[in-house]
Amino acid sequence: MVQERATALNYRNLRLQITQRGGDPALERLLMLVAVDEQAHYAFFQECVGLFFKHDPEGTLEQLRRVMNNFAMPAISELACGRQRVARIKELGIFDEDQYYRDVYLPILEALGVERREMRNRQPTRKSAPSRQTP
């Protein structure tokens, strides 16, 4: 869900950059269609997460914290020159941490009815093996 929304934002912002630089109608149309497709995926996964909240609110919230508080675009580290690509994406204003927070993180919380305070990292509780203490 998070990746789908972030990816849609990337495509939208890339399209805006192309438009500002003189445009390419075919590429702009393609990027718009891909962004719309990503938004549809986001809506589907948001609905799924909403169902998980109904059945396991605490477990779902913990997973939501884990994903959203540590989010990075998948596979970027596996691409050649991944760090340089990320730097260029930020430089062009296509996607950065501020956009993630404003346009991905906060809207998802609002859509799911989750308060920002609920997203604070929690210490995991281990119910299985007790902690080992050394004498």
N, C-alpha and C. Protein backbone atom coordinates (compact mmCIF):
# COMPACT_ATOMS: atom_id res chain seq x y z
N MET A 1 0.83 -1.19 0.00
CA MET A 1 0.00 0.00 0.00
C MET A 1 0.88 1.25 0.00
N VAL A 2 1.88 1.27 0.84
CA VAL A 2 2.76 2.43 0.95
C VAL A 2 3.57 2.60 -0.34
N GLN A 3 4.12 1.52 -0.82
CA GLN A 3 4.92 1.58 -2.04
C GLN A 3 4.07 2.01 -3.24
N GLU A 4 2.84 1.54 -3.31
CA GLU A 4 1.97 1.91 -4.43
C GLU A 4 1.69 3.41 -4.43
N ARG A 5 1.41 3.95 -3.27
CA ARG A 5 1.14 5.40 -3.19
C ARG A 5 2.40 6.19 -3.52
N ALA A 6 3.55 5.76 -2.99
CA ALA A 6 4.82 6.45 -3.26
C ALA A 6 5.17 6.37 -4.74
N THR A 7 4.94 5.23 -5.36
CA THR A 7 5.25 5.06 -6.78
C THR A 7 4.35 5.94 -7.63
N ALA A 8 3.07 6.01 -7.30
CA ALA A 8 2.17 6.91 -8.04
C ALA A 8 2.65 8.35 -7.94
N LEU A 9 3.10 8.74 -6.76
CA LEU A 9 3.63 10.09 -6.57
C LEU A 9 4.88 10.31 -7.42
N ASN A 10 5.75 9.33 -7.48
CA ASN A 10 6.95 9.43 -8.32
C ASN A 10 6.57 9.67 -9.78
N TYR A 11 5.65 8.89 -10.30
CA TYR A 11 5.25 9.03 -11.69
C TYR A 11 4.58 10.39 -11.94
N ARG A 12 3.75 10.80 -11.03
CA ARG A 12 3.09 12.11 -11.17
C ARG A 12 4.13 13.23 -11.22
N ASN A 13 5.07 13.19 -10.28
CA ASN A 13 6.08 14.24 -10.21
C ASN A 13 7.04 14.20 -11.40
N LEU A 14 7.34 13.02 -11.89
CA LEU A 14 8.18 12.91 -13.08
C LEU A 14 7.45 13.52 -14.28
N ARG A 15 6.16 13.24 -14.40
CA ARG A 15 5.36 13.82 -15.48
C ARG A 15 5.38 15.35 -15.40
N LEU A 16 5.25 15.90 -14.19
CA LEU A 16 5.29 17.36 -14.03
C LEU A 16 6.65 17.93 -14.45
N GLN A 17 7.72 17.22 -14.10
CA GLN A 17 9.05 17.66 -14.50
C GLN A 17 9.19 17.68 -16.02
N ILE A 18 8.67 16.67 -16.68
CA ILE A 18 8.74 16.61 -18.15
C ILE A 18 7.94 17.75 -18.76
N THR A 19 6.76 18.01 -18.22
CA THR A 19 5.92 19.10 -18.70
C THR A 19 6.65 20.44 -18.57
N GLN A 20 7.27 20.66 -17.42
CA GLN A 20 8.00 21.92 -17.18
C GLN A 20 9.20 22.10 -18.10
N ARG A 21 9.74 21.02 -18.63
CA ARG A 21 10.91 21.08 -19.50
C ARG A 21 10.55 21.03 -20.99
N GLY A 22 9.33 21.36 -21.30
CA GLY A 22 8.95 21.41 -22.70
C GLY A 22 7.99 20.31 -23.12
N GLY A 23 7.95 19.25 -22.34
CA GLY A 23 6.95 18.22 -22.56
C GLY A 23 7.25 17.21 -23.65
N ASP A 24 6.56 16.12 -23.51
CA ASP A 24 6.54 15.03 -24.49
C ASP A 24 5.17 14.40 -24.30
N PRO A 25 4.21 14.74 -25.15
CA PRO A 25 2.83 14.30 -24.93
C PRO A 25 2.66 12.80 -24.73
N ALA A 26 3.38 12.00 -25.50
CA ALA A 26 3.23 10.54 -25.38
C ALA A 26 3.76 10.06 -24.03
N LEU A 27 4.92 10.56 -23.63
CA LEU A 27 5.49 10.15 -22.35
C LEU A 27 4.65 10.65 -21.18
N GLU A 28 4.15 11.88 -21.30
CA GLU A 28 3.30 12.42 -20.24
C GLU A 28 2.03 11.59 -20.08
N ARG A 29 1.45 11.18 -21.16
CA ARG A 29 0.23 10.35 -21.12
C ARG A 29 0.53 8.99 -20.50
N LEU A 30 1.64 8.40 -20.92
CA LEU A 30 2.05 7.11 -20.36
C LEU A 30 2.26 7.20 -18.85
N LEU A 31 2.97 8.23 -18.40
CA LEU A 31 3.23 8.41 -16.97
C LEU A 31 1.93 8.63 -16.20
N MET A 32 1.00 9.37 -16.80
CA MET A 32 -0.29 9.57 -16.15
C MET A 32 -1.03 8.25 -15.99
N LEU A 33 -1.04 7.44 -17.04
CA LEU A 33 -1.74 6.15 -16.98
C LEU A 33 -1.11 5.22 -15.95
N VAL A 34 0.21 5.20 -15.89
CA VAL A 34 0.90 4.36 -14.90
C VAL A 34 0.60 4.85 -13.49
N ALA A 35 0.60 6.17 -13.29
CA ALA A 35 0.29 6.74 -11.97
C ALA A 35 -1.13 6.37 -11.54
N VAL A 36 -2.07 6.45 -12.47
CA VAL A 36 -3.46 6.07 -12.18
C VAL A 36 -3.54 4.59 -11.79
N ASP A 37 -2.80 3.75 -12.50
CA ASP A 37 -2.76 2.32 -12.19
C ASP A 37 -2.19 2.09 -10.78
N GLU A 38 -1.14 2.80 -10.44
CA GLU A 38 -0.55 2.67 -9.10
C GLU A 38 -1.54 3.12 -8.03
N GLN A 39 -2.29 4.18 -8.31
CA GLN A 39 -3.31 4.63 -7.36
C GLN A 39 -4.40 3.58 -7.16
N ALA A 40 -4.74 2.88 -8.23
CA ALA A 40 -5.74 1.80 -8.12
C ALA A 40 -5.19 0.68 -7.23
N HIS A 41 -3.93 0.34 -7.41
CA HIS A 41 -3.30 -0.67 -6.54
C HIS A 41 -3.32 -0.20 -5.09
N TYR A 42 -2.98 1.06 -4.88
CA TYR A 42 -3.00 1.62 -3.53
C TYR A 42 -4.38 1.47 -2.89
N ALA A 43 -5.42 1.83 -3.64
CA ALA A 43 -6.78 1.76 -3.11
C ALA A 43 -7.15 0.32 -2.73
N PHE A 44 -6.75 -0.64 -3.56
CA PHE A 44 -7.01 -2.04 -3.26
C PHE A 44 -6.31 -2.46 -1.96
N PHE A 45 -5.02 -2.15 -1.85
CA PHE A 45 -4.27 -2.55 -0.66
C PHE A 45 -4.74 -1.81 0.58
N GLN A 46 -5.17 -0.57 0.42
CA GLN A 46 -5.71 0.18 1.56
C GLN A 46 -6.95 -0.52 2.10
N GLU A 47 -7.79 -0.99 1.18
CA GLU A 47 -8.98 -1.72 1.59
C GLU A 47 -8.61 -3.01 2.33
N CYS A 48 -7.59 -3.69 1.84
CA CYS A 48 -7.11 -4.91 2.49
C CYS A 48 -6.61 -4.62 3.89
N VAL A 49 -5.82 -3.57 4.04
CA VAL A 49 -5.29 -3.21 5.36
C VAL A 49 -6.44 -2.86 6.30
N GLY A 50 -7.45 -2.19 5.77
CA GLY A 50 -8.63 -1.90 6.58
C GLY A 50 -9.28 -3.16 7.12
N LEU A 51 -9.33 -4.20 6.30
CA LEU A 51 -9.88 -5.49 6.76
C LEU A 51 -9.00 -6.11 7.83
N PHE A 52 -7.69 -6.03 7.64
CA PHE A 52 -6.77 -6.55 8.67
C PHE A 52 -6.98 -5.82 9.99
N PHE A 53 -7.20 -4.51 9.94
CA PHE A 53 -7.45 -3.75 11.17
C PHE A 53 -8.68 -4.25 11.90
N LYS A 54 -9.69 -4.67 11.16
CA LYS A 54 -10.91 -5.18 11.80
C LYS A 54 -10.65 -6.48 12.54
N HIS A 55 -9.76 -7.32 12.02
CA HIS A 55 -9.53 -8.64 12.59
C HIS A 55 -8.35 -8.71 13.56
N ASP A 56 -7.37 -7.85 13.37
CA ASP A 56 -6.18 -7.86 14.23
C ASP A 56 -5.61 -6.44 14.34
N PRO A 57 -6.31 -5.58 15.08
CA PRO A 57 -5.89 -4.18 15.13
C PRO A 57 -4.46 -3.97 15.66
N GLU A 58 -4.10 -4.65 16.73
CA GLU A 58 -2.76 -4.46 17.30
C GLU A 58 -1.66 -4.99 16.38
N GLY A 59 -1.85 -6.18 15.84
CA GLY A 59 -0.86 -6.75 14.94
C GLY A 59 -0.72 -5.94 13.66
N THR A 60 -1.85 -5.47 13.16
CA THR A 60 -1.82 -4.66 11.94
C THR A 60 -1.13 -3.33 12.19
N LEU A 61 -1.43 -2.72 13.33
CA LEU A 61 -0.78 -1.46 13.66
C LEU A 61 0.73 -1.63 13.81
N GLU A 62 1.14 -2.72 14.41
CA GLU A 62 2.58 -2.97 14.57
C GLU A 62 3.26 -3.14 13.20
N GLN A 63 2.62 -3.85 12.30
CA GLN A 63 3.18 -4.01 10.96
C GLN A 63 3.17 -2.69 10.19
N LEU A 64 2.13 -1.91 10.37
CA LEU A 64 2.06 -0.60 9.73
C LEU A 64 3.20 0.29 10.22
N ARG A 65 3.45 0.26 11.53
CA ARG A 65 4.59 1.02 12.08
C ARG A 65 5.89 0.57 11.43
N ARG A 66 6.09 -0.72 11.38
CA ARG A 66 7.34 -1.27 10.84
C ARG A 66 7.56 -0.82 9.40
N VAL A 67 6.51 -0.90 8.60
CA VAL A 67 6.63 -0.55 7.18
C VAL A 67 6.78 0.97 7.01
N MET A 68 5.88 1.72 7.59
CA MET A 68 5.85 3.16 7.32
C MET A 68 6.99 3.92 7.98
N ASN A 69 7.44 3.48 9.14
CA ASN A 69 8.52 4.19 9.82
C ASN A 69 9.89 3.84 9.27
N ASN A 70 9.97 2.84 8.41
CA ASN A 70 11.26 2.41 7.83
C ASN A 70 11.18 2.32 6.32
N PHE A 71 10.26 3.03 5.71
CA PHE A 71 10.01 2.86 4.29
C PHE A 71 11.17 3.35 3.42
N ALA A 72 11.46 2.55 2.42
CA ALA A 72 12.38 2.92 1.34
C ALA A 72 11.83 2.26 0.08
N MET A 73 11.98 2.93 -1.03
CA MET A 73 11.51 2.35 -2.28
C MET A 73 12.22 1.02 -2.50
N PRO A 74 11.48 -0.02 -2.82
CA PRO A 74 12.09 -1.33 -3.00
C PRO A 74 13.00 -1.39 -4.22
N ALA A 75 13.99 -2.22 -4.12
CA ALA A 75 14.92 -2.54 -5.21
C ALA A 75 15.86 -1.42 -5.61
N ILE A 76 15.71 -0.23 -5.05
CA ILE A 76 16.60 0.87 -5.45
C ILE A 76 18.05 0.54 -5.12
N SER A 77 18.26 -0.16 -4.02
CA SER A 77 19.62 -0.51 -3.63
C SER A 77 20.22 -1.58 -4.55
N GLU A 78 19.37 -2.29 -5.28
CA GLU A 78 19.84 -3.33 -6.18
C GLU A 78 20.17 -2.80 -7.58
N LEU A 79 19.76 -1.58 -7.87
CA LEU A 79 20.03 -0.99 -9.18
C LEU A 79 21.45 -0.45 -9.23
N ALA A 80 22.04 -0.48 -10.41
CA ALA A 80 23.36 0.11 -10.58
C ALA A 80 23.28 1.60 -10.23
N CYS A 81 24.25 2.06 -9.49
CA CYS A 81 24.32 3.48 -9.10
C CYS A 81 23.08 3.91 -8.31
N GLY A 82 22.56 3.03 -7.45
CA GLY A 82 21.33 3.29 -6.71
C GLY A 82 21.37 4.58 -5.91
N ARG A 83 22.46 4.83 -5.20
CA ARG A 83 22.55 6.06 -4.40
C ARG A 83 22.52 7.30 -5.27
N GLN A 84 23.20 7.23 -6.41
CA GLN A 84 23.20 8.37 -7.32
C GLN A 84 21.80 8.60 -7.90
N ARG A 85 21.10 7.52 -8.17
CA ARG A 85 19.73 7.65 -8.68
C ARG A 85 18.83 8.32 -7.65
N VAL A 86 18.95 7.90 -6.40
CA VAL A 86 18.14 8.49 -5.33
C VAL A 86 18.47 9.98 -5.21
N ALA A 87 19.75 10.31 -5.25
CA ALA A 87 20.16 11.71 -5.15
C ALA A 87 19.57 12.54 -6.29
N ARG A 88 19.58 12.00 -7.48
CA ARG A 88 19.04 12.72 -8.65
C ARG A 88 17.52 12.87 -8.54
N ILE A 89 16.85 11.83 -8.07
CA ILE A 89 15.40 11.89 -7.88
C ILE A 89 15.05 13.00 -6.88
N LYS A 90 15.81 13.09 -5.80
CA LYS A 90 15.59 14.15 -4.82
C LYS A 90 15.90 15.52 -5.42
N GLU A 91 17.00 15.61 -6.13
CA GLU A 91 17.42 16.86 -6.75
C GLU A 91 16.37 17.40 -7.72
N LEU A 92 15.75 16.52 -8.47
CA LEU A 92 14.72 16.92 -9.43
C LEU A 92 13.37 17.20 -8.77
N GLY A 93 13.24 16.92 -7.48
CA GLY A 93 11.98 17.15 -6.79
C GLY A 93 10.93 16.10 -7.09
N ILE A 94 11.37 14.93 -7.52
CA ILE A 94 10.43 13.86 -7.86
C ILE A 94 9.94 13.15 -6.60
N PHE A 95 10.85 12.92 -5.66
CA PHE A 95 10.46 12.24 -4.41
C PHE A 95 11.54 12.44 -3.37
N ASP A 96 11.14 12.82 -2.17
CA ASP A 96 12.09 12.95 -1.06
C ASP A 96 11.36 12.67 0.26
N GLU A 97 12.06 12.80 1.35
CA GLU A 97 11.49 12.47 2.66
C GLU A 97 10.31 13.36 3.02
N ASP A 98 10.40 14.66 2.68
CA ASP A 98 9.30 15.57 2.98
C ASP A 98 8.04 15.19 2.20
N GLN A 99 8.22 14.85 0.93
CA GLN A 99 7.07 14.43 0.13
C GLN A 99 6.50 13.12 0.66
N TYR A 100 7.37 12.22 1.08
CA TYR A 100 6.89 10.97 1.66
C TYR A 100 5.99 11.26 2.86
N TYR A 101 6.47 12.11 3.76
CA TYR A 101 5.71 12.40 4.97
C TYR A 101 4.39 13.09 4.64
N ARG A 102 4.45 14.11 3.80
CA ARG A 102 3.28 14.93 3.49
C ARG A 102 2.27 14.21 2.58
N ASP A 103 2.77 13.49 1.56
CA ASP A 103 1.89 12.98 0.51
C ASP A 103 1.65 11.47 0.56
N VAL A 104 2.39 10.78 1.43
CA VAL A 104 2.20 9.33 1.56
C VAL A 104 1.82 9.00 3.01
N TYR A 105 2.71 9.30 3.93
CA TYR A 105 2.55 8.92 5.34
C TYR A 105 1.26 9.49 5.95
N LEU A 106 1.13 10.81 5.94
CA LEU A 106 -0.04 11.42 6.58
C LEU A 106 -1.37 11.04 5.91
N PRO A 107 -1.45 11.04 4.57
CA PRO A 107 -2.72 10.63 3.96
C PRO A 107 -3.10 9.17 4.25
N ILE A 108 -2.13 8.30 4.35
CA ILE A 108 -2.43 6.90 4.68
C ILE A 108 -2.98 6.80 6.10
N LEU A 109 -2.34 7.50 7.03
CA LEU A 109 -2.85 7.47 8.41
C LEU A 109 -4.28 7.98 8.45
N GLU A 110 -4.54 9.07 7.76
CA GLU A 110 -5.89 9.63 7.75
C GLU A 110 -6.89 8.65 7.14
N ALA A 111 -6.52 8.03 6.03
CA ALA A 111 -7.42 7.09 5.36
C ALA A 111 -7.74 5.89 6.23
N LEU A 112 -6.77 5.48 7.04
CA LEU A 112 -6.97 4.31 7.90
C LEU A 112 -7.51 4.67 9.29
N GLY A 113 -7.62 5.96 9.58
CA GLY A 113 -8.10 6.39 10.89
C GLY A 113 -7.09 6.15 11.99
N VAL A 114 -5.80 6.24 11.66
CA VAL A 114 -4.74 6.02 12.64
C VAL A 114 -4.17 7.37 13.06
N GLU A 115 -4.01 7.57 14.35
CA GLU A 115 -3.43 8.80 14.88
C GLU A 115 -1.91 8.75 14.77
N ARG A 116 -1.28 9.90 14.56
CA ARG A 116 0.19 9.94 14.47
C ARG A 116 0.84 9.39 15.73
N ARG A 117 0.26 9.66 16.88
CA ARG A 117 0.85 9.18 18.14
C ARG A 117 0.88 7.65 18.20
N GLU A 118 -0.03 7.00 17.49
CA GLU A 118 -0.06 5.54 17.46
C GLU A 118 1.09 4.96 16.65
N MET A 119 1.75 5.81 15.88
CA MET A 119 2.83 5.34 15.00
C MET A 119 4.20 5.38 15.67
N ARG A 120 4.26 5.83 16.91
CA ARG A 120 5.54 5.81 17.61
C ARG A 120 6.00 4.37 17.74
N ASN A 121 7.29 4.18 17.53
CA ASN A 121 7.84 2.82 17.63
C ASN A 121 7.64 2.27 19.03
N ARG A 122 7.31 1.05 19.09
CA ARG A 122 7.09 0.35 20.36
C ARG A 122 8.16 -0.71 20.52
N GLN A 123 8.45 -1.04 21.74
CA GLN A 123 9.37 -2.14 22.02
C GLN A 123 8.60 -3.43 21.80
N PRO A 124 9.15 -4.33 21.01
CA PRO A 124 8.46 -5.60 20.82
C PRO A 124 8.42 -6.39 22.13
N THR A 125 7.30 -7.02 22.35
CA THR A 125 7.19 -7.88 23.52
C THR A 125 7.34 -9.31 23.08
N ARG A 126 8.15 -10.04 23.78
CA ARG A 126 8.36 -11.45 23.44
C ARG A 126 7.51 -12.29 24.38
N LYS A 127 6.59 -13.00 23.81
CA LYS A 127 5.72 -13.85 24.61
C LYS A 127 6.25 -15.27 24.71
N SER A 128 7.19 -15.60 23.83
CA SER A 128 7.68 -16.97 23.84
C SER A 128 8.83 -17.11 24.83
N ALA A 129 10.02 -17.13 24.36
CA ALA A 129 11.18 -17.40 25.23
C ALA A 129 11.44 -16.24 26.18
N PRO A 130 11.53 -16.52 27.48
CA PRO A 130 11.87 -15.46 28.43
C PRO A 130 13.32 -15.02 28.19
N SER A 131 13.60 -13.78 28.56
CA SER A 131 14.96 -13.28 28.35
C SER A 131 15.93 -14.05 29.23
N ARG A 132 17.09 -14.28 28.68
CA ARG A 132 18.12 -15.05 29.39
C ARG A 132 18.95 -14.07 30.23
N GLN A 133 19.05 -14.37 31.50
CA GLN A 133 19.84 -13.52 32.39
C GLN A 133 21.10 -14.28 32.79
N THR A 134 22.20 -13.58 32.76
CA THR A 134 23.46 -14.22 33.17
C THR A 134 23.74 -13.87 34.61
N PRO A 135 24.28 -14.85 35.37
CA PRO A 135 24.55 -14.59 36.80
C PRO A 135 25.69 -13.63 37.00
